[in-house]
Amino acid sequence: MVHRPSSNNYLYLMGISKIKTIGVIGAGTMGAGIAQLAAQAGYQTILYDLSRAQLEKALQGISTNLDKAIDKGLIKAKDKDAALQNLHLTGNLAELKADIFIEAIVEKLEPKVDLFKQLAAQNKPTCILASNTSSIPITRLGAAVPNPKRVVGMHFFNPAHIMKLVEVILGAATDPDIAKTVYQLAEKLGKTAVYAKDAPGFIVNRVARHYYVEGLKVLEEQVADHEAIDALLESSGFKMGPFKLMDLIGVDTNYSVTNSMFESFHQDAKFRPSRIQQQKVDAGHHGRKTGKGFYDYGERKG
């Protein structure tokens, strides 16, 4: 059944054609990748982070990614210049005025809610509030925000500028036309979009969670070390073993998502977080971004 917007649906008046400026909150690995996509697609893009150093690191990473694309013949030098001209970096929350915001901050409910409330207070009621969350229910996010119809999930995968899939998640209050607009935006960013229900882990993380959890259980039980587990799974056809992948995503981020899903599934044992992973997080061994995770990457980064 095709959803027909009502004539008084002010949210529908936004539409994909009305999106000119995209705000990305959080200049970590995911946020930087999303901002790069938006800028390359021709949108005025605001990338926000509290840390100036993190913003500078993100800009350097985006520039490097674009250079690699030039070397591969995927884009031209003028395309890089145009993308960087579309990109505005800021640490000033008051400068965040956009048609849609995509948050990519810490994977915890309270900071995301606080952020959305601040963005809602200083923007038009038609602005869309999208979350890149891996596991937090969109319904819970929307329930605490004015006009929850415009709160939606837009879940990218790491690295965002390369991975094709984007999950578009509808919370209980999400307007279907807002979800459609976000779906169309994902396509304009060169992605393959899929709709997902607001269930724990949505689609991909619910299925993939056991790739990490079971790998960690095998490690806990000393069946094999992490290098052997990775090697065996890669020889079976996986591009990266679970421990290399956790290091790439961020051990802390991965652990946070597992905890969120464990709670969402009412402590179902199959989603139990690993003590080994918790120890890595407690030690600050968060993977590639810190220079050490399950593997050692040399000097600490950033």
Protein backbone atom coordinates (compact mmCIF):
# COMPACT_ATOMS: atom_id res chain seq x y z
CA MET A 1 0.00 0.00 0.00
CA VAL A 2 1.37 3.42 -0.95
CA HIS A 3 1.26 5.97 1.85
CA ARG A 4 -0.59 9.12 0.77
CA PRO A 5 0.44 12.25 2.68
CA SER A 6 -2.33 14.36 4.09
CA SER A 7 -2.58 17.98 2.95
CA ASN A 8 -1.85 19.28 6.44
CA ASN A 9 1.25 17.21 7.00
CA TYR A 10 3.86 19.95 7.38
CA LEU A 11 6.61 17.37 7.73
CA TYR A 12 5.90 16.03 4.28
CA LEU A 13 6.46 19.51 2.84
CA MET A 14 10.14 19.06 3.55
CA GLY A 15 10.67 16.35 0.91
CA ILE A 16 13.98 15.30 -0.62
CA SER A 17 14.06 18.34 -2.92
CA LYS A 18 14.00 20.66 0.10
CA ILE A 19 17.15 19.22 1.64
CA LYS A 20 20.02 21.58 0.89
CA THR A 21 22.08 21.51 4.08
CA ILE A 22 23.09 18.43 6.05
CA GLY A 23 24.46 18.61 9.58
CA VAL A 24 26.63 15.74 10.82
CA ILE A 25 27.26 15.55 14.55
CA GLY A 26 30.41 13.78 15.65
CA ALA A 27 33.67 13.86 13.66
CA GLY A 28 34.81 10.36 14.49
CA THR A 29 35.29 7.66 11.88
CA MET A 30 31.60 7.33 11.07
CA GLY A 31 30.75 11.02 11.21
CA ALA A 32 33.66 11.98 8.98
CA GLY A 33 32.66 9.34 6.42
CA ILE A 34 29.05 10.50 6.38
CA ALA A 35 30.12 14.15 6.02
CA GLN A 36 32.35 13.20 3.11
CA LEU A 37 29.45 11.50 1.35
CA ALA A 38 27.17 14.49 1.84
CA ALA A 39 29.77 16.99 0.62
CA GLN A 40 30.61 14.85 -2.42
CA ALA A 41 26.92 14.64 -3.28
CA GLY A 42 26.76 18.42 -3.51
CA TYR A 43 25.11 19.22 -0.19
CA GLN A 44 26.23 22.05 2.04
CA THR A 45 27.61 20.01 4.91
CA ILE A 46 28.29 21.07 8.48
CA LEU A 47 30.50 18.72 10.50
CA TYR A 48 30.37 19.38 14.24
CA ASP A 49 32.52 18.11 17.07
CA LEU A 50 33.47 19.47 20.48
CA SER A 51 37.12 18.68 19.77
CA ARG A 52 38.96 20.91 17.30
CA ALA A 53 41.68 18.29 17.04
CA GLN A 54 39.08 15.69 16.06
CA LEU A 55 37.69 18.02 13.39
CA GLU A 56 41.15 18.56 11.95
CA LYS A 57 41.79 14.82 11.98
CA ALA A 58 38.47 14.25 10.19
CA LEU A 59 39.32 16.81 7.53
CA GLN A 60 42.69 15.20 6.95
CA GLY A 61 41.03 11.78 6.65
CA ILE A 62 38.43 13.06 4.20
CA SER A 63 41.14 14.69 2.08
CA THR A 64 43.12 11.45 2.06
CA ASN A 65 40.04 9.42 1.06
CA LEU A 66 39.36 11.80 -1.81
CA ASP A 67 42.99 11.60 -2.96
CA LYS A 68 42.72 7.80 -3.03
CA ALA A 69 39.55 8.10 -5.11
CA ILE A 70 41.42 10.37 -7.55
CA ASP A 71 44.29 7.86 -7.79
CA LYS A 72 41.80 5.10 -8.62
CA GLY A 73 40.13 7.22 -11.28
CA LEU A 74 36.84 7.33 -9.43
CA ILE A 75 36.72 11.13 -9.20
CA LYS A 76 38.66 14.09 -10.61
CA ALA A 77 40.68 16.68 -8.75
CA LYS A 78 37.93 19.25 -9.31
CA ASP A 79 35.48 16.91 -7.57
CA LYS A 80 37.68 16.90 -4.49
CA ASP A 81 37.87 20.69 -4.53
CA ALA A 82 34.08 20.97 -4.85
CA ALA A 83 33.50 18.51 -1.99
CA LEU A 84 35.86 20.36 0.35
CA GLN A 85 34.21 23.67 -0.53
CA ASN A 86 30.86 22.16 0.53
CA LEU A 87 32.28 21.15 3.91
CA HIS A 88 32.17 23.45 6.94
CA LEU A 89 33.74 22.41 10.23
CA THR A 90 32.56 23.85 13.55
CA GLY A 91 32.75 23.36 17.27
CA ASN A 92 30.01 25.89 17.88
CA LEU A 93 26.64 24.27 18.50
CA ALA A 94 24.84 27.53 17.72
CA GLU A 95 26.01 27.27 14.10
CA LEU A 96 24.08 24.06 13.58
CA LYS A 97 21.23 25.07 11.29
CA ALA A 98 20.29 22.46 8.70
CA ASP A 99 17.46 20.64 6.94
CA ILE A 100 18.53 17.26 8.29
CA PHE A 101 20.92 16.26 11.05
CA ILE A 102 22.66 12.89 11.21
CA GLU A 103 24.13 12.19 14.63
CA ALA A 104 27.09 9.85 14.97
CA ILE A 105 28.04 10.38 18.61
CA VAL A 106 28.56 7.99 21.53
CA GLU A 107 26.25 4.95 21.52
CA LYS A 108 24.25 5.97 24.59
CA LEU A 109 20.64 7.11 24.77
CA GLU A 110 20.94 10.15 27.05
CA PRO A 111 23.57 12.09 25.05
CA LYS A 112 21.64 11.47 21.84
CA VAL A 113 18.39 12.70 23.38
CA ASP A 114 20.09 15.79 24.80
CA LEU A 115 21.62 16.55 21.42
CA PHE A 116 18.32 16.18 19.55
CA LYS A 117 16.58 18.46 22.05
CA GLN A 118 19.21 21.16 21.50
CA LEU A 119 19.00 20.82 17.72
CA ALA A 120 15.20 20.92 17.81
CA ALA A 121 15.23 24.09 19.89
CA GLN A 122 17.31 26.06 17.38
CA ASN A 123 15.96 24.71 14.09
CA LYS A 124 12.71 24.72 12.16
CA PRO A 125 10.12 22.10 13.19
CA THR A 126 10.54 20.59 9.72
CA CYS A 127 14.19 19.66 10.22
CA ILE A 128 14.75 15.90 10.25
CA LEU A 129 16.62 14.31 13.15
CA ALA A 130 18.34 11.12 12.05
CA SER A 131 20.44 8.82 14.20
CA ASN A 132 23.28 6.61 13.01
CA THR A 133 22.74 4.39 16.06
CA SER A 134 23.55 0.70 15.73
CA SER A 135 21.15 -0.51 18.38
CA ILE A 136 19.32 2.17 20.40
CA PRO A 137 15.55 2.12 19.72
CA ILE A 138 14.43 5.01 17.52
CA THR A 139 11.11 5.02 19.38
CA ARG A 140 12.89 5.84 22.65
CA LEU A 141 14.88 8.61 20.98
CA GLY A 142 11.77 10.13 19.43
CA ALA A 143 9.67 9.94 22.59
CA ALA A 144 11.81 12.57 24.31
CA VAL A 145 12.05 14.98 21.37
CA PRO A 146 9.53 17.59 20.15
CA ASN A 147 7.72 16.44 16.99
CA PRO A 148 8.88 12.81 17.18
CA LYS A 149 7.47 12.21 13.69
CA ARG A 150 10.72 13.56 12.25
CA VAL A 151 13.03 11.28 14.28
CA VAL A 152 14.34 8.40 12.19
CA GLY A 153 17.22 5.97 12.05
CA MET A 154 19.82 6.30 9.28
CA HIS A 155 22.37 3.62 10.02
CA PHE A 156 25.54 3.62 7.90
CA PHE A 157 28.24 0.95 8.03
CA ASN A 158 31.96 1.39 8.53
CA PRO A 159 33.71 2.73 6.49
CA ALA A 160 30.71 4.90 5.59
CA HIS A 161 32.22 6.33 2.42
CA ILE A 162 32.68 2.81 0.99
CA MET A 163 30.07 0.44 2.44
CA LYS A 164 26.91 0.51 0.34
CA LEU A 165 24.18 -0.39 2.81
CA VAL A 166 22.12 2.09 4.85
CA GLU A 167 19.33 0.94 7.18
CA VAL A 168 16.41 3.37 7.44
CA ILE A 169 14.63 2.66 10.72
CA LEU A 170 11.10 3.78 11.56
CA GLY A 171 10.25 4.32 15.21
CA ALA A 172 6.67 4.01 16.41
CA ALA A 173 6.08 7.72 15.78
CA THR A 174 8.20 8.18 12.63
CA ASP A 175 6.25 9.66 9.73
CA PRO A 176 6.53 7.27 6.75
CA ASP A 177 7.15 10.24 4.46
CA ILE A 178 10.12 11.29 6.59
CA ALA A 179 11.48 7.76 6.31
CA LYS A 180 10.93 7.93 2.55
CA THR A 181 12.85 11.21 2.35
CA VAL A 182 15.76 9.69 4.28
CA TYR A 183 15.63 6.60 2.05
CA GLN A 184 15.86 8.83 -1.02
CA LEU A 185 18.68 10.82 0.56
CA ALA A 186 20.65 7.61 1.13
CA GLU A 187 20.24 6.81 -2.56
CA LYS A 188 21.44 10.30 -3.50
CA LEU A 189 24.53 9.60 -1.41
CA GLY A 190 25.16 6.54 -3.57
CA LYS A 191 23.92 3.98 -1.06
CA THR A 192 21.59 1.00 -1.15
CA ALA A 193 18.85 1.74 1.37
CA VAL A 194 16.58 -0.74 3.16
CA TYR A 195 13.72 -0.12 5.55
CA ALA A 196 13.97 -1.76 8.96
CA LYS A 197 11.62 -2.07 11.90
CA ASP A 198 12.61 -0.63 15.25
CA ALA A 199 13.75 -3.97 16.69
CA PRO A 200 16.94 -4.43 18.75
CA GLY A 201 19.96 -4.33 16.46
CA PHE A 202 17.65 -3.69 13.49
CA ILE A 203 18.70 -6.13 10.72
CA VAL A 204 22.46 -6.26 10.28
CA ASN A 205 23.59 -5.92 13.89
CA ARG A 206 21.09 -8.48 15.10
CA VAL A 207 22.45 -11.02 12.62
CA ALA A 208 26.12 -10.00 12.84
CA ARG A 209 26.29 -9.64 16.63
CA HIS A 210 27.01 -13.35 17.01
CA TYR A 211 30.00 -13.06 14.69
CA TYR A 212 31.66 -11.06 17.47
CA VAL A 213 30.03 -12.65 20.51
CA GLU A 214 30.79 -16.24 19.47
CA GLY A 215 34.32 -15.31 18.46
CA LEU A 216 34.86 -13.84 21.90
CA LYS A 217 33.39 -16.93 23.58
CA VAL A 218 35.83 -19.13 21.66
CA LEU A 219 38.64 -16.86 22.87
CA GLU A 220 37.36 -16.94 26.48
CA GLU A 221 37.26 -20.73 26.40
CA GLN A 222 40.86 -20.78 25.06
CA VAL A 223 39.90 -22.91 22.08
CA ALA A 224 42.18 -20.72 19.97
CA ASP A 225 43.80 -17.30 20.15
CA HIS A 226 42.31 -14.28 18.36
CA GLU A 227 44.76 -14.48 15.45
CA ALA A 228 43.85 -18.11 14.73
CA ILE A 229 40.11 -17.36 14.96
CA ASP A 230 40.48 -14.49 12.50
CA ALA A 231 42.61 -16.58 10.13
CA LEU A 232 40.11 -19.45 10.13
CA LEU A 233 37.11 -17.23 9.42
CA GLU A 234 38.95 -15.31 6.72
CA SER A 235 39.94 -18.59 5.07
CA SER A 236 36.24 -19.49 5.12
CA GLY A 237 35.39 -16.48 2.99
CA PHE A 238 34.91 -13.61 5.45
CA LYS A 239 36.80 -10.47 4.41
CA MET A 240 37.83 -9.76 8.00
CA GLY A 241 37.86 -11.88 11.12
CA PRO A 242 35.82 -10.70 14.13
CA PHE A 243 38.79 -9.32 16.06
CA LYS A 244 40.21 -7.34 13.14
CA LEU A 245 36.72 -6.03 12.49
CA MET A 246 36.19 -5.01 16.12
CA ASP A 247 39.49 -3.13 16.01
CA LEU A 248 38.38 -1.34 12.85
CA ILE A 249 34.93 -0.42 14.19
CA GLY A 250 36.25 0.41 17.64
CA VAL A 251 36.33 -2.12 20.47
CA ASP A 252 34.55 0.38 22.71
CA THR A 253 31.80 1.03 20.15
CA ASN A 254 31.32 -2.68 19.52
CA TYR A 255 31.16 -3.40 23.24
CA SER A 256 28.62 -0.61 23.77
CA VAL A 257 26.37 -2.02 21.03
CA THR A 258 26.57 -5.51 22.53
CA ASN A 259 25.59 -4.13 25.94
CA SER A 260 22.67 -2.26 24.40
CA MET A 261 21.40 -5.37 22.65
CA PHE A 262 21.90 -7.50 25.77
CA GLU A 263 19.63 -5.10 27.67
CA SER A 264 17.11 -4.85 24.82
CA PHE A 265 16.78 -8.62 24.71
CA HIS A 266 16.27 -8.76 28.49
CA GLN A 267 19.70 -10.28 29.24
CA ASP A 268 19.34 -13.12 26.78
CA ALA A 269 22.55 -15.14 27.29
CA LYS A 270 23.28 -15.33 23.57
CA PHE A 271 24.01 -11.58 23.60
CA ARG A 272 26.13 -11.62 26.78
CA PRO A 273 28.98 -9.07 26.61
CA SER A 274 32.47 -10.49 26.91
CA ARG A 275 34.68 -9.90 29.95
CA ILE A 276 37.70 -9.89 27.65
CA GLN A 277 36.19 -7.12 25.54
CA GLN A 278 35.28 -5.14 28.67
CA GLN A 279 38.88 -5.41 29.85
CA LYS A 280 40.09 -4.01 26.52
CA VAL A 281 37.71 -1.09 26.87
CA ASP A 282 38.74 -0.44 30.48
CA ALA A 283 42.40 -0.41 29.40
CA GLY A 284 41.71 2.09 26.61
CA HIS A 285 42.63 -0.46 23.94
CA HIS A 286 39.91 0.59 21.52
CA GLY A 287 41.46 -0.66 18.30
CA ARG A 288 42.96 1.18 15.35
CA LYS A 289 41.92 4.61 16.59
CA THR A 290 44.02 4.26 19.75
CA GLY A 291 46.85 2.25 18.19
CA LYS A 292 46.05 -0.91 20.15
CA GLY A 293 43.12 -3.28 20.42
CA PHE A 294 43.24 -7.01 19.95
CA TYR A 295 46.16 -6.19 17.65
CA ASP A 296 48.98 -3.69 18.11
CA TYR A 297 49.06 -0.91 15.50
CA GLY A 298 52.15 0.90 16.75
CA GLU A 299 52.04 4.42 18.06
CA ARG A 300 48.83 5.77 19.50
CA LYS A 301 46.75 7.60 16.91
CA GLY A 302 45.15 10.99 17.41
